[in-house]
Structure formats: structure tokens, C-alpha cells
Amino acid sequence: VWADLGDGAPDGICVDADGAVWYADVPHRW
């Protein structure tokens, strides 16, 4: 597990130069 997101629902993702991941979340609209 790279990141436990609790009730997050990750869809599309991408990585940034700081090593963080952005994830899109349909039900939470963010």
C-alpha cells in the first residue's frame, strides 16, 4: 500500500516531481 486513502475513491492518477501523486475522485468531486 503506497497510500491508504480512507474513503477516497482514486480514479485517474499522475505523479509530480516532488514524488507526490494526484488522484481524481468521482464521488467526492475533487
Full PDB file with SEQRES, HELIX, SHEET, SSBOND, CRYST1, ORIGX, SCALE, CONECT and MASTER records, all heavy atoms in Angstrom:
SEQRES   1 A   30  VAL TRP ALA ASP LEU GLY ASP GLY ALA PRO ASP GLY ILE          
SEQRES   2 A   30  CYS VAL ASP ALA ASP GLY ALA VAL TRP TYR ALA ASP VAL          
SEQRES   3 A   30  PRO HIS ARG TRP                                              
SHEET    1 AA1 2 PRO A  10  VAL A  15  0                                        
SHEET    2 AA1 2 VAL A  21  ASP A  25 -1                                        
CRYST1    1.000    1.000    1.000  90.00  90.00  90.00 P 1           1          
ORIGX1      1.000000  0.000000  0.000000        0.00000                         
ORIGX2      0.000000  1.000000  0.000000        0.00000                         
ORIGX3      0.000000  0.000000  1.000000        0.00000                         
SCALE1      1.000000  0.000000  0.000000        0.00000                         
SCALE2      0.000000  1.000000  0.000000        0.00000                         
SCALE3      0.000000  0.000000  1.000000        0.00000                         
ATOM      1  N   VAL A   1       0.869  -1.173   0.000  1.00  0.00           N  
ATOM      2  CA  VAL A   1       0.000   0.000   0.000  1.00  0.00           C  
ATOM      3  C   VAL A   1       0.905   1.222   0.000  1.00  0.00           C  
ATOM      4  O   VAL A   1       1.683   1.434   0.932  1.00  0.00           O  
ATOM      5  CB  VAL A   1      -0.947   0.006   1.218  1.00  0.00           C  
ATOM      6  CG1 VAL A   1      -1.736   1.317   1.271  1.00  0.00           C  
ATOM      7  CG2 VAL A   1      -1.887  -1.186   1.174  1.00  0.00           C  
ATOM      8  N   TRP A   2       0.809   2.009  -1.049  1.00  0.00           N  
ATOM      9  CA  TRP A   2       1.591   3.240  -1.169  1.00  0.00           C  
ATOM     10  C   TRP A   2       0.929   4.343  -0.352  1.00  0.00           C  
ATOM     11  O   TRP A   2       1.598   5.120   0.303  1.00  0.00           O  
ATOM     12  CB  TRP A   2       1.702   3.617  -2.648  1.00  0.00           C  
ATOM     13  CG  TRP A   2       2.708   4.677  -2.960  1.00  0.00           C  
ATOM     14  CD1 TRP A   2       4.033   4.494  -3.216  1.00  0.00           C  
ATOM     15  CD2 TRP A   2       2.469   6.087  -3.063  1.00  0.00           C  
ATOM     16  NE1 TRP A   2       4.637   5.709  -3.473  1.00  0.00           N  
ATOM     17  CE2 TRP A   2       3.686   6.699  -3.390  1.00  0.00           C  
ATOM     18  CE3 TRP A   2       1.341   6.890  -2.925  1.00  0.00           C  
ATOM     19  CZ2 TRP A   2       3.826   8.073  -3.573  1.00  0.00           C  
ATOM     20  CZ3 TRP A   2       1.466   8.259  -3.102  1.00  0.00           C  
ATOM     21  CH2 TRP A   2       2.696   8.836  -3.423  1.00  0.00           C  
ATOM     22  N   ALA A   3      -0.412   4.385  -0.420  1.00  0.00           N  
ATOM     23  CA  ALA A   3      -1.166   5.358   0.372  1.00  0.00           C  
ATOM     24  C   ALA A   3      -2.551   4.809   0.664  1.00  0.00           C  
ATOM     25  O   ALA A   3      -3.267   4.421  -0.259  1.00  0.00           O  
ATOM     26  CB  ALA A   3      -1.276   6.694  -0.354  1.00  0.00           C  
ATOM     27  N   ASP A   4      -2.915   4.752   1.935  1.00  0.00           N  
ATOM     28  CA  ASP A   4      -4.278   4.398   2.347  1.00  0.00           C  
ATOM     29  C   ASP A   4      -5.082   5.689   2.290  1.00  0.00           C  
ATOM     30  O   ASP A   4      -4.763   6.665   2.962  1.00  0.00           O  
ATOM     31  CB  ASP A   4      -4.270   3.831   3.760  1.00  0.00           C  
ATOM     32  CG  ASP A   4      -5.640   3.384   4.241  1.00  0.00           C  
ATOM     33  OD1 ASP A   4      -6.664   3.838   3.677  1.00  0.00           O  
ATOM     34  OD2 ASP A   4      -5.692   2.605   5.192  1.00  0.00           O  
ATOM     35  N   LEU A   5      -6.147   5.702   1.483  1.00  0.00           N  
ATOM     36  CA  LEU A   5      -6.915   6.916   1.242  1.00  0.00           C  
ATOM     37  C   LEU A   5      -8.223   6.955   2.018  1.00  0.00           C  
ATOM     38  O   LEU A   5      -9.073   7.806   1.766  1.00  0.00           O  
ATOM     39  CB  LEU A   5      -7.193   7.055  -0.256  1.00  0.00           C  
ATOM     40  CG  LEU A   5      -5.948   6.996  -1.146  1.00  0.00           C  
ATOM     41  CD1 LEU A   5      -6.348   7.014  -2.606  1.00  0.00           C  
ATOM     42  CD2 LEU A   5      -4.974   8.120  -0.814  1.00  0.00           C  
ATOM     43  N   GLY A   6      -8.398   6.044   2.964  1.00  0.00           N  
ATOM     44  CA  GLY A   6      -9.629   6.025   3.747  1.00  0.00           C  
ATOM     45  C   GLY A   6     -10.824   5.810   2.848  1.00  0.00           C  
ATOM     46  O   GLY A   6     -10.891   4.809   2.149  1.00  0.00           O  
ATOM     47  N   ASP A   7     -11.761   6.762   2.824  1.00  0.00           N  
ATOM     48  CA  ASP A   7     -12.941   6.612   1.967  1.00  0.00           C  
ATOM     49  C   ASP A   7     -12.723   7.205   0.584  1.00  0.00           C  
ATOM     50  O   ASP A   7     -13.657   7.315  -0.206  1.00  0.00           O  
ATOM     51  CB  ASP A   7     -14.181   7.220   2.631  1.00  0.00           C  
ATOM     52  CG  ASP A   7     -14.135   8.736   2.723  1.00  0.00           C  
ATOM     53  OD1 ASP A   7     -13.042   9.330   2.536  1.00  0.00           O  
ATOM     54  OD2 ASP A   7     -15.193   9.333   2.981  1.00  0.00           O  
ATOM     55  N   GLY A   8     -11.482   7.581   0.249  1.00  0.00           N  
ATOM     56  CA  GLY A   8     -11.165   8.094  -1.080  1.00  0.00           C  
ATOM     57  C   GLY A   8     -11.403   7.026  -2.146  1.00  0.00           C  
ATOM     58  O   GLY A   8     -11.270   5.830  -1.887  1.00  0.00           O  
ATOM     59  N   ALA A   9     -11.767   7.462  -3.335  1.00  0.00           N  
ATOM     60  CA  ALA A   9     -12.021   6.562  -4.465  1.00  0.00           C  
ATOM     61  C   ALA A   9     -11.164   7.011  -5.647  1.00  0.00           C  
ATOM     62  O   ALA A   9     -11.646   7.698  -6.543  1.00  0.00           O  
ATOM     63  CB  ALA A   9     -13.504   6.583  -4.818  1.00  0.00           C  
ATOM     64  N   PRO A  10      -9.875   6.637  -5.650  1.00  0.00           N  
ATOM     65  CA  PRO A  10      -8.978   7.127  -6.689  1.00  0.00           C  
ATOM     66  C   PRO A  10      -9.329   6.580  -8.067  1.00  0.00           C  
ATOM     67  O   PRO A  10      -9.625   5.404  -8.224  1.00  0.00           O  
ATOM     68  CB  PRO A  10      -7.607   6.631  -6.231  1.00  0.00           C  
ATOM     69  CG  PRO A  10      -7.908   5.378  -5.473  1.00  0.00           C  
ATOM     70  CD  PRO A  10      -9.207   5.675  -4.770  1.00  0.00           C  
ATOM     71  N   ASP A  11      -9.311   7.461  -9.039  1.00  0.00           N  
ATOM     72  CA  ASP A  11      -9.563   7.097 -10.432  1.00  0.00           C  
ATOM     73  C   ASP A  11      -8.265   7.366 -11.186  1.00  0.00           C  
ATOM     74  O   ASP A  11      -7.256   6.761 -10.879  1.00  0.00           O  
ATOM     75  CB  ASP A  11     -10.754   7.916 -10.950  1.00  0.00           C  
ATOM     76  CG  ASP A  11     -11.446   7.275 -12.146  1.00  0.00           C  
ATOM     77  OD1 ASP A  11     -10.748   6.688 -12.992  1.00  0.00           O  
ATOM     78  OD2 ASP A  11     -12.666   7.385 -12.250  1.00  0.00           O  
ATOM     79  N   GLY A  12      -8.245   8.313 -12.106  1.00  0.00           N  
ATOM     80  CA  GLY A  12      -7.022   8.624 -12.825  1.00  0.00           C  
ATOM     81  C   GLY A  12      -5.988   9.249 -11.904  1.00  0.00           C  
ATOM     82  O   GLY A  12      -6.330   9.991 -10.982  1.00  0.00           O  
ATOM     83  N   ILE A  13      -4.696   8.948 -12.150  1.00  0.00           N  
ATOM     84  CA  ILE A  13      -3.620   9.474 -11.304  1.00  0.00           C  
ATOM     85  C   ILE A  13      -2.458   9.972 -12.148  1.00  0.00           C  
ATOM     86  O   ILE A  13      -2.316   9.615 -13.323  1.00  0.00           O  
ATOM     87  CB  ILE A  13      -3.100   8.432 -10.285  1.00  0.00           C  
ATOM     88  CG1 ILE A  13      -2.421   7.248 -10.988  1.00  0.00           C  
ATOM     89  CG2 ILE A  13      -4.211   7.950  -9.376  1.00  0.00           C  
ATOM     90  CD1 ILE A  13      -1.722   6.282 -10.043  1.00  0.00           C  
ATOM     91  N   CYS A  14      -1.613  10.805 -11.523  1.00  0.00           N  
ATOM     92  CA  CYS A  14      -0.353  11.219 -12.122  1.00  0.00           C  
ATOM     93  C   CYS A  14       0.630  11.531 -10.998  1.00  0.00           C  
ATOM     94  O   CYS A  14       0.239  11.750  -9.854  1.00  0.00           O  
ATOM     95  CB  CYS A  14      -0.531  12.411 -13.058  1.00  0.00           C  
ATOM     96  SG  CYS A  14      -1.159  13.919 -12.292  1.00  0.00           S  
ATOM     97  N   VAL A  15       1.925  11.529 -11.342  1.00  0.00           N  
ATOM     98  CA  VAL A  15       2.997  11.736 -10.372  1.00  0.00           C  
ATOM     99  C   VAL A  15       3.648  13.093 -10.624  1.00  0.00           C  
ATOM    100  O   VAL A  15       3.803  13.497 -11.780  1.00  0.00           O  
ATOM    101  CB  VAL A  15       4.059  10.618 -10.504  1.00  0.00           C  
ATOM    102  CG1 VAL A  15       5.204  10.809  -9.523  1.00  0.00           C  
ATOM    103  CG2 VAL A  15       3.427   9.248 -10.331  1.00  0.00           C  
ATOM    104  N   ASP A  16       4.050  13.777  -9.546  1.00  0.00           N  
ATOM    105  CA  ASP A  16       4.767  15.044  -9.726  1.00  0.00           C  
ATOM    106  C   ASP A  16       6.229  14.905  -9.317  1.00  0.00           C  
ATOM    107  O   ASP A  16       6.653  13.866  -8.791  1.00  0.00           O  
ATOM    108  CB  ASP A  16       4.043  16.204  -9.038  1.00  0.00           C  
ATOM    109  CG  ASP A  16       4.104  16.201  -7.522  1.00  0.00           C  
ATOM    110  OD1 ASP A  16       5.022  15.585  -6.927  1.00  0.00           O  
ATOM    111  OD2 ASP A  16       3.226  16.826  -6.906  1.00  0.00           O  
ATOM    112  N   ALA A  17       6.998  15.953  -9.577  1.00  0.00           N  
ATOM    113  CA  ALA A  17       8.443  15.921  -9.345  1.00  0.00           C  
ATOM    114  C   ALA A  17       8.828  15.859  -7.877  1.00  0.00           C  
ATOM    115  O   ALA A  17       9.966  15.535  -7.552  1.00  0.00           O  
ATOM    116  CB  ALA A  17       9.099  17.135 -10.007  1.00  0.00           C  
ATOM    117  N   ASP A  18       7.881  16.149  -6.979  1.00  0.00           N  
ATOM    118  CA  ASP A  18       8.146  16.015  -5.549  1.00  0.00           C  
ATOM    119  C   ASP A  18       7.855  14.605  -5.043  1.00  0.00           C  
ATOM    120  O   ASP A  18       7.958  14.339  -3.848  1.00  0.00           O  
ATOM    121  CB  ASP A  18       7.296  17.009  -4.743  1.00  0.00           C  
ATOM    122  CG  ASP A  18       7.787  18.445  -4.887  1.00  0.00           C  
ATOM    123  OD1 ASP A  18       8.918  18.651  -5.369  1.00  0.00           O  
ATOM    124  OD2 ASP A  18       7.032  19.358  -4.511  1.00  0.00           O  
ATOM    125  N   GLY A  19       7.454  13.707  -5.951  1.00  0.00           N  
ATOM    126  CA  GLY A  19       7.153  12.336  -5.563  1.00  0.00           C  
ATOM    127  C   GLY A  19       5.750  12.148  -5.024  1.00  0.00           C  
ATOM    128  O   GLY A  19       5.409  11.082  -4.519  1.00  0.00           O  
ATOM    129  N   ALA A  20       4.924  13.170  -5.117  1.00  0.00           N  
ATOM    130  CA  ALA A  20       3.525  13.054  -4.688  1.00  0.00           C  
ATOM    131  C   ALA A  20       2.681  12.555  -5.859  1.00  0.00           C  
ATOM    132  O   ALA A  20       3.089  12.652  -7.024  1.00  0.00           O  
ATOM    133  CB  ALA A  20       3.002  14.399  -4.200  1.00  0.00           C  
ATOM    134  N   VAL A  21       1.515  12.035  -5.532  1.00  0.00           N  
ATOM    135  CA  VAL A  21       0.571  11.558  -6.550  1.00  0.00           C  
ATOM    136  C   VAL A  21      -0.704  12.387  -6.453  1.00  0.00           C  
ATOM    137  O   VAL A  21      -1.233  12.617  -5.361  1.00  0.00           O  
ATOM    138  CB  VAL A  21       0.242  10.057  -6.355  1.00  0.00           C  
ATOM    139  CG1 VAL A  21      -0.932   9.625  -7.231  1.00  0.00           C  
ATOM    140  CG2 VAL A  21       1.466   9.200  -6.643  1.00  0.00           C  
ATOM    141  N   TRP A  22      -1.184  12.828  -7.600  1.00  0.00           N  
ATOM    142  CA  TRP A  22      -2.507  13.435  -7.710  1.00  0.00           C  
ATOM    143  C   TRP A  22      -3.475  12.338  -8.096  1.00  0.00           C  
ATOM    144  O   TRP A  22      -3.157  11.516  -8.957  1.00  0.00           O  
ATOM    145  CB  TRP A  22      -2.534  14.490  -8.812  1.00  0.00           C  
ATOM    146  CG  TRP A  22      -1.943  15.810  -8.446  1.00  0.00           C  
ATOM    147  CD1 TRP A  22      -0.674  16.250  -8.727  1.00  0.00           C  
ATOM    148  CD2 TRP A  22      -2.604  16.884  -7.778  1.00  0.00           C  
ATOM    149  NE1 TRP A  22      -0.508  17.528  -8.251  1.00  0.00           N  
ATOM    150  CE2 TRP A  22      -1.683  17.949  -7.674  1.00  0.00           C  
ATOM    151  CE3 TRP A  22      -3.885  17.059  -7.249  1.00  0.00           C  
ATOM    152  CZ2 TRP A  22      -2.005  19.161  -7.074  1.00  0.00           C  
ATOM    153  CZ3 TRP A  22      -4.206  18.261  -6.654  1.00  0.00           C  
ATOM    154  CH2 TRP A  22      -3.268  19.299  -6.566  1.00  0.00           C  
ATOM    155  N   TYR A  23      -4.656  12.292  -7.449  1.00  0.00           N  
ATOM    156  CA  TYR A  23      -5.683  11.353  -7.898  1.00  0.00           C  
ATOM    157  C   TYR A  23      -7.012  12.069  -8.050  1.00  0.00           C  
ATOM    158  O   TYR A  23      -7.352  12.968  -7.288  1.00  0.00           O  
ATOM    159  CB  TYR A  23      -5.799  10.138  -6.968  1.00  0.00           C  
ATOM    160  CG  TYR A  23      -6.422  10.354  -5.613  1.00  0.00           C  
ATOM    161  CD1 TYR A  23      -7.804  10.267  -5.432  1.00  0.00           C  
ATOM    162  CD2 TYR A  23      -5.631  10.591  -4.495  1.00  0.00           C  
ATOM    163  CE1 TYR A  23      -8.374  10.435  -4.175  1.00  0.00           C  
ATOM    164  CE2 TYR A  23      -6.200  10.762  -3.243  1.00  0.00           C  
ATOM    165  CZ  TYR A  23      -7.568  10.688  -3.089  1.00  0.00           C  
ATOM    166  OH  TYR A  23      -8.130  10.849  -1.844  1.00  0.00           O  
ATOM    167  N   ALA A  24      -7.739  11.669  -9.083  1.00  0.00           N  
ATOM    168  CA  ALA A  24      -9.090  12.170  -9.317  1.00  0.00           C  
ATOM    169  C   ALA A  24     -10.053  11.284  -8.541  1.00  0.00           C  
ATOM    170  O   ALA A  24      -9.848  10.069  -8.438  1.00  0.00           O  
ATOM    171  CB  ALA A  24      -9.409  12.132 -10.811  1.00  0.00           C  
ATOM    172  N   ASP A  25     -11.114  11.872  -7.996  1.00  0.00           N  
ATOM    173  CA  ASP A  25     -12.067  11.144  -7.164  1.00  0.00           C  
ATOM    174  C   ASP A  25     -13.480  11.541  -7.592  1.00  0.00           C  
ATOM    175  O   ASP A  25     -13.905  12.677  -7.393  1.00  0.00           O  
ATOM    176  CB  ASP A  25     -11.813  11.513  -5.701  1.00  0.00           C  
ATOM    177  CG  ASP A  25     -12.594  10.684  -4.707  1.00  0.00           C  
ATOM    178  OD1 ASP A  25     -13.801  10.463  -4.920  1.00  0.00           O  
ATOM    179  OD2 ASP A  25     -11.996  10.285  -3.684  1.00  0.00           O  
ATOM    180  N   VAL A  26     -14.192  10.598  -8.208  1.00  0.00           N  
ATOM    181  CA  VAL A  26     -15.527  10.880  -8.739  1.00  0.00           C  
ATOM    182  C   VAL A  26     -16.534  11.210  -7.639  1.00  0.00           C  
ATOM    183  O   VAL A  26     -17.144  12.276  -7.653  1.00  0.00           O  
ATOM    184  CB  VAL A  26     -16.038   9.720  -9.627  1.00  0.00           C  
ATOM    185  CG1 VAL A  26     -17.461   9.980 -10.092  1.00  0.00           C  
ATOM    186  CG2 VAL A  26     -15.109   9.495 -10.813  1.00  0.00           C  
ATOM    187  N   PRO A  27     -16.765  10.312  -6.655  1.00  0.00           N  
ATOM    188  CA  PRO A  27     -17.830  10.595  -5.690  1.00  0.00           C  
ATOM    189  C   PRO A  27     -17.582  11.817  -4.806  1.00  0.00           C  
ATOM    190  O   PRO A  27     -18.525  12.479  -4.378  1.00  0.00           O  
ATOM    191  CB  PRO A  27     -17.940   9.324  -4.857  1.00  0.00           C  
ATOM    192  CG  PRO A  27     -16.677   8.579  -5.073  1.00  0.00           C  
ATOM    193  CD  PRO A  27     -16.170   8.997  -6.426  1.00  0.00           C  
ATOM    194  N   HIS A  28     -16.321  12.130  -4.530  1.00  0.00           N  
ATOM    195  CA  HIS A  28     -16.019  13.272  -3.664  1.00  0.00           C  
ATOM    196  C   HIS A  28     -15.864  14.580  -4.442  1.00  0.00           C  
ATOM    197  O   HIS A  28     -15.696  15.629  -3.837  1.00  0.00           O  
ATOM    198  CB  HIS A  28     -14.768  12.992  -2.834  1.00  0.00           C  
ATOM    199  CG  HIS A  28     -14.976  11.893  -1.849  1.00  0.00           C  
ATOM    200  ND1 HIS A  28     -14.527  10.619  -2.068  1.00  0.00           N  
ATOM    201  CD2 HIS A  28     -15.619  11.873  -0.667  1.00  0.00           C  
ATOM    202  CE1 HIS A  28     -14.871   9.857  -1.036  1.00  0.00           C  
ATOM    203  NE2 HIS A  28     -15.539  10.592  -0.177  1.00  0.00           N  
ATOM    204  N   ARG A  29     -15.866  14.493  -5.762  1.00  0.00           N  
ATOM    205  CA  ARG A  29     -15.800  15.655  -6.653  1.00  0.00           C  
ATOM    206  C   ARG A  29     -14.582  16.531  -6.364  1.00  0.00           C  
ATOM    207  O   ARG A  29     -14.689  17.736  -6.176  1.00  0.00           O  
ATOM    208  CB  ARG A  29     -17.106  16.462  -6.577  1.00  0.00           C  
ATOM    209  CG  ARG A  29     -18.296  15.615  -6.958  1.00  0.00           C  
ATOM    210  CD  ARG A  29     -19.583  16.355  -7.060  1.00  0.00           C  
ATOM    211  NE  ARG A  29     -19.814  17.265  -5.945  1.00  0.00           N  
ATOM    212  CZ  ARG A  29     -20.876  18.028  -5.837  1.00  0.00           C  
ATOM    213  NH1 ARG A  29     -21.796  18.012  -6.760  1.00  0.00           N  
ATOM    214  NH2 ARG A  29     -21.033  18.819  -4.788  1.00  0.00           N  
ATOM    215  N   TRP A  30     -13.417  15.870  -6.364  1.00  0.00           N  
ATOM    216  CA  TRP A  30     -12.180  16.600  -6.143  1.00  0.00           C  
ATOM    217  C   TRP A  30     -10.999  15.844  -6.708  1.00  0.00           C  
ATOM    218  O   TRP A  30     -11.098  14.676  -7.075  1.00  0.00           O  
ATOM    219  CB  TRP A  30     -11.960  16.912  -4.680  1.00  0.00           C  
ATOM    220  CG  TRP A  30     -11.896  15.727  -3.713  1.00  0.00           C  
ATOM    221  CD1 TRP A  30     -11.667  14.415  -4.009  1.00  0.00           C  
ATOM    222  CD2 TRP A  30     -12.057  15.782  -2.296  1.00  0.00           C  
ATOM    223  NE1 TRP A  30     -11.670  13.653  -2.860  1.00  0.00           N  
ATOM    224  CE2 TRP A  30     -11.917  14.468  -1.799  1.00  0.00           C  
ATOM    225  CE3 TRP A  30     -12.300  16.796  -1.399  1.00  0.00           C  
ATOM    226  CZ2 TRP A  30     -12.012  14.150  -0.444  1.00  0.00           C  
ATOM    227  CZ3 TRP A  30     -12.398  16.475  -0.055  1.00  0.00           C  
ATOM    228  CH2 TRP A  30     -12.258  15.169   0.410  1.00  0.00           C  
TER     229      TRP A  30                                                      
MASTER        0    0    0    0    2    0    0    6  228    1    0    3          
END                                                                             
